[in-house]
């Protein structure tokens, strides 16, 4: 999968502050990763062309089938730069997404 890397960090798109959750709104892990890191989307955000990112555009230009997914939250997209080699999750709370770094020993439940 292509990604945008600069200065040892990878670009990741997140919804901020609130919305539907850009990449966490979909239940398809592959689509989620594409929406979060695709170079064309990163470039559009950098160029201030967020309003052009629609379901039809994504389906046509990225080869996805998002169905009825609402991309309205795309208007709140920001780029977060994650150090290469990091393991992370994108978490969502009321649609506001954030990066959570995890270690190799992380487990989802601990007592």
C-alpha atoms as a PDB file:
ATOM      1  CA  UNK A   1       0.000   0.000   0.000  1.00  0.00           C
ATOM      2  CA  UNK A   2       1.354   3.425  -0.972  1.00  0.00           C
ATOM      3  CA  UNK A   3       1.858   6.010   1.731  1.00  0.00           C
ATOM      4  CA  UNK A   4       3.226   9.515   2.118  1.00  0.00           C
ATOM      5  CA  UNK A   5       6.490   9.598   4.066  1.00  0.00           C
ATOM      6  CA  UNK A   6       8.471  12.700   4.987  1.00  0.00           C
ATOM      7  CA  UNK A   7      11.280  13.132   7.492  1.00  0.00           C
ATOM      8  CA  UNK A   8      10.862   9.583   8.770  1.00  0.00           C
ATOM      9  CA  UNK A   9       7.136   9.960   9.414  1.00  0.00           C
ATOM     10  CA  UNK A  10       4.014   8.683   7.632  1.00  0.00           C
ATOM     11  CA  UNK A  11       0.962  10.861   6.971  1.00  0.00           C
ATOM     12  CA  UNK A  12      -2.316   9.639   8.500  1.00  0.00           C
ATOM     13  CA  UNK A  13      -5.678  11.360   7.996  1.00  0.00           C
ATOM     14  CA  UNK A  14      -7.872  11.888  11.041  1.00  0.00           C
ATOM     15  CA  UNK A  15     -11.169  13.625  11.717  1.00  0.00           C
ATOM     16  CA  UNK A  16     -10.855  16.516  14.124  1.00  0.00           C
ATOM     17  CA  UNK A  17     -12.501  17.648  16.261  1.00  0.00           C
ATOM     18  CA  UNK A  18     -15.752  15.729  15.743  1.00  0.00           C
ATOM     19  CA  UNK A  19     -17.708  14.123  12.925  1.00  0.00           C
ATOM     20  CA  UNK A  20     -18.359  10.582  11.799  1.00  0.00           C
ATOM     21  CA  UNK A  21     -14.825   9.286  12.081  1.00  0.00           C
ATOM     22  CA  UNK A  22     -13.032   9.394   8.744  1.00  0.00           C
ATOM     23  CA  UNK A  23     -11.441   5.944   8.698  1.00  0.00           C
ATOM     24  CA  UNK A  24     -13.101   4.477  11.785  1.00  0.00           C
ATOM     25  CA  UNK A  25     -16.641   4.862  10.420  1.00  0.00           C
ATOM     26  CA  UNK A  26     -16.202   1.964   7.988  1.00  0.00           C
ATOM     27  CA  UNK A  27     -16.261  -1.646   9.199  1.00  0.00           C
ATOM     28  CA  UNK A  28     -13.908  -2.731   6.427  1.00  0.00           C
ATOM     29  CA  UNK A  29     -10.277  -2.804   7.621  1.00  0.00           C
ATOM     30  CA  UNK A  30      -8.831  -2.485   4.100  1.00  0.00           C
ATOM     31  CA  UNK A  31     -11.006   0.547   3.297  1.00  0.00           C
ATOM     32  CA  UNK A  32     -10.102   2.041   6.667  1.00  0.00           C
ATOM     33  CA  UNK A  33      -6.372   1.836   5.937  1.00  0.00           C
ATOM     34  CA  UNK A  34      -6.819   3.260   2.439  1.00  0.00           C
ATOM     35  CA  UNK A  35      -8.924   6.187   3.699  1.00  0.00           C
ATOM     36  CA  UNK A  36      -6.371   6.950   6.419  1.00  0.00           C
ATOM     37  CA  UNK A  37      -3.194   6.848   4.311  1.00  0.00           C
ATOM     38  CA  UNK A  38      -3.854   7.121   0.562  1.00  0.00           C
ATOM     39  CA  UNK A  39      -1.441   9.573  -1.095  1.00  0.00           C
ATOM     40  CA  UNK A  40      -4.140  11.143  -3.319  1.00  0.00           C
ATOM     41  CA  UNK A  41      -6.263  11.944  -0.254  1.00  0.00           C
ATOM     42  CA  UNK A  42      -3.262  13.317   1.661  1.00  0.00           C
ATOM     43  CA  UNK A  43      -2.422  15.566  -1.294  1.00  0.00           C
ATOM     44  CA  UNK A  44      -6.001  16.819  -1.569  1.00  0.00           C
ATOM     45  CA  UNK A  45      -6.015  17.753   2.122  1.00  0.00           C
ATOM     46  CA  UNK A  46      -2.659  19.513   1.771  1.00  0.00           C
ATOM     47  CA  UNK A  47      -3.967  21.393  -1.270  1.00  0.00           C
ATOM     48  CA  UNK A  48      -7.127  22.511   0.566  1.00  0.00           C
ATOM     49  CA  UNK A  49      -9.357  20.427  -1.721  1.00  0.00           C
ATOM     50  CA  UNK A  50     -11.207  18.559   1.044  1.00  0.00           C
ATOM     51  CA  UNK A  51     -14.629  19.563  -0.312  1.00  0.00           C
ATOM     52  CA  UNK A  52     -13.911  17.522  -3.462  1.00  0.00           C
ATOM     53  CA  UNK A  53     -13.603  14.298  -1.455  1.00  0.00           C
ATOM     54  CA  UNK A  54     -16.950  12.565  -1.867  1.00  0.00           C
ATOM     55  CA  UNK A  55     -18.096   8.936  -1.836  1.00  0.00           C
ATOM     56  CA  UNK A  56     -18.316   9.007  -5.635  1.00  0.00           C
ATOM     57  CA  UNK A  57     -14.813  10.482  -5.950  1.00  0.00           C
ATOM     58  CA  UNK A  58     -13.315   7.903  -3.562  1.00  0.00           C
ATOM     59  CA  UNK A  59     -15.082   4.988  -5.267  1.00  0.00           C
ATOM     60  CA  UNK A  60     -14.053   6.133  -8.753  1.00  0.00           C
ATOM     61  CA  UNK A  61     -10.486   7.267  -8.048  1.00  0.00           C
ATOM     62  CA  UNK A  62      -9.419   4.813  -5.342  1.00  0.00           C
ATOM     63  CA  UNK A  63     -11.346   1.764  -6.551  1.00  0.00           C
ATOM     64  CA  UNK A  64     -13.346   1.357  -3.355  1.00  0.00           C
ATOM     65  CA  UNK A  65     -17.002   0.552  -2.882  1.00  0.00           C
ATOM     66  CA  UNK A  66     -18.048   2.599   0.128  1.00  0.00           C
ATOM     67  CA  UNK A  67     -21.746   2.181  -0.571  1.00  0.00           C
ATOM     68  CA  UNK A  68     -23.741   4.635   1.504  1.00  0.00           C
ATOM     69  CA  UNK A  69     -20.876   5.718   3.759  1.00  0.00           C
ATOM     70  CA  UNK A  70     -21.144   9.406   4.608  1.00  0.00           C
ATOM     71  CA  UNK A  71     -17.877  11.240   4.018  1.00  0.00           C
ATOM     72  CA  UNK A  72     -19.195  14.533   5.374  1.00  0.00           C
ATOM     73  CA  UNK A  73     -16.659  14.313   8.177  1.00  0.00           C
ATOM     74  CA  UNK A  74     -13.983  14.753   5.506  1.00  0.00           C
ATOM     75  CA  UNK A  75     -14.407  18.487   5.882  1.00  0.00           C
ATOM     76  CA  UNK A  76     -12.639  18.223   9.253  1.00  0.00           C
ATOM     77  CA  UNK A  77      -9.655  16.213   8.064  1.00  0.00           C
ATOM     78  CA  UNK A  78      -6.210  16.835   9.522  1.00  0.00           C
ATOM     79  CA  UNK A  79      -2.894  15.127   8.860  1.00  0.00           C
ATOM     80  CA  UNK A  80      -1.098  13.471  11.760  1.00  0.00           C
ATOM     81  CA  UNK A  81       2.545  12.449  11.222  1.00  0.00           C
ATOM     82  CA  UNK A  82       3.396   9.044  12.707  1.00  0.00           C
ATOM     83  CA  UNK A  83       7.030   7.897  13.091  1.00  0.00           C
ATOM     84  CA  UNK A  84       7.888   5.065  10.687  1.00  0.00           C
ATOM     85  CA  UNK A  85       7.934   1.669  12.364  1.00  0.00           C
ATOM     86  CA  UNK A  86       5.355   2.701  14.952  1.00  0.00           C
ATOM     87  CA  UNK A  87       2.457   0.390  15.736  1.00  0.00           C
ATOM     88  CA  UNK A  88      -0.723   2.337  16.226  1.00  0.00           C
ATOM     89  CA  UNK A  89      -4.485   2.281  16.212  1.00  0.00           C
ATOM     90  CA  UNK A  90      -6.860   4.994  15.125  1.00  0.00           C
ATOM     91  CA  UNK A  91      -9.424   5.459  17.864  1.00  0.00           C
ATOM     92  CA  UNK A  92     -12.650   7.408  17.677  1.00  0.00           C
ATOM     93  CA  UNK A  93     -14.674   9.142  20.359  1.00  0.00           C
ATOM     94  CA  UNK A  94     -17.824  10.836  19.050  1.00  0.00           C
ATOM     95  CA  UNK A  95     -16.139  10.871  15.655  1.00  0.00           C
ATOM     96  CA  UNK A  96     -13.010  12.692  16.840  1.00  0.00           C
ATOM     97  CA  UNK A  97     -10.145  10.417  15.873  1.00  0.00           C
ATOM     98  CA  UNK A  98      -6.771  10.134  17.543  1.00  0.00           C
ATOM     99  CA  UNK A  99      -3.651   8.026  17.266  1.00  0.00           C
ATOM    100  CA  UNK A 100      -2.958   5.488  19.997  1.00  0.00           C
ATOM    101  CA  UNK A 101       0.519   3.998  19.915  1.00  0.00           C
ATOM    102  CA  UNK A 102       0.828   0.362  20.937  1.00  0.00           C
ATOM    103  CA  UNK A 103       3.813  -1.808  21.801  1.00  0.00           C
ATOM    104  CA  UNK A 104       4.618  -5.332  20.681  1.00  0.00           C
ATOM    105  CA  UNK A 105       3.499  -6.583  24.059  1.00  0.00           C
ATOM    106  CA  UNK A 106       0.185  -4.702  24.064  1.00  0.00           C
ATOM    107  CA  UNK A 107      -2.899  -6.828  24.623  1.00  0.00           C
ATOM    108  CA  UNK A 108      -6.447  -5.502  24.455  1.00  0.00           C
ATOM    109  CA  UNK A 109      -7.286  -6.628  28.005  1.00  0.00           C
ATOM    110  CA  UNK A 110      -5.159  -6.740  31.112  1.00  0.00           C
ATOM    111  CA  UNK A 111      -6.095  -7.504  34.740  1.00  0.00           C
END
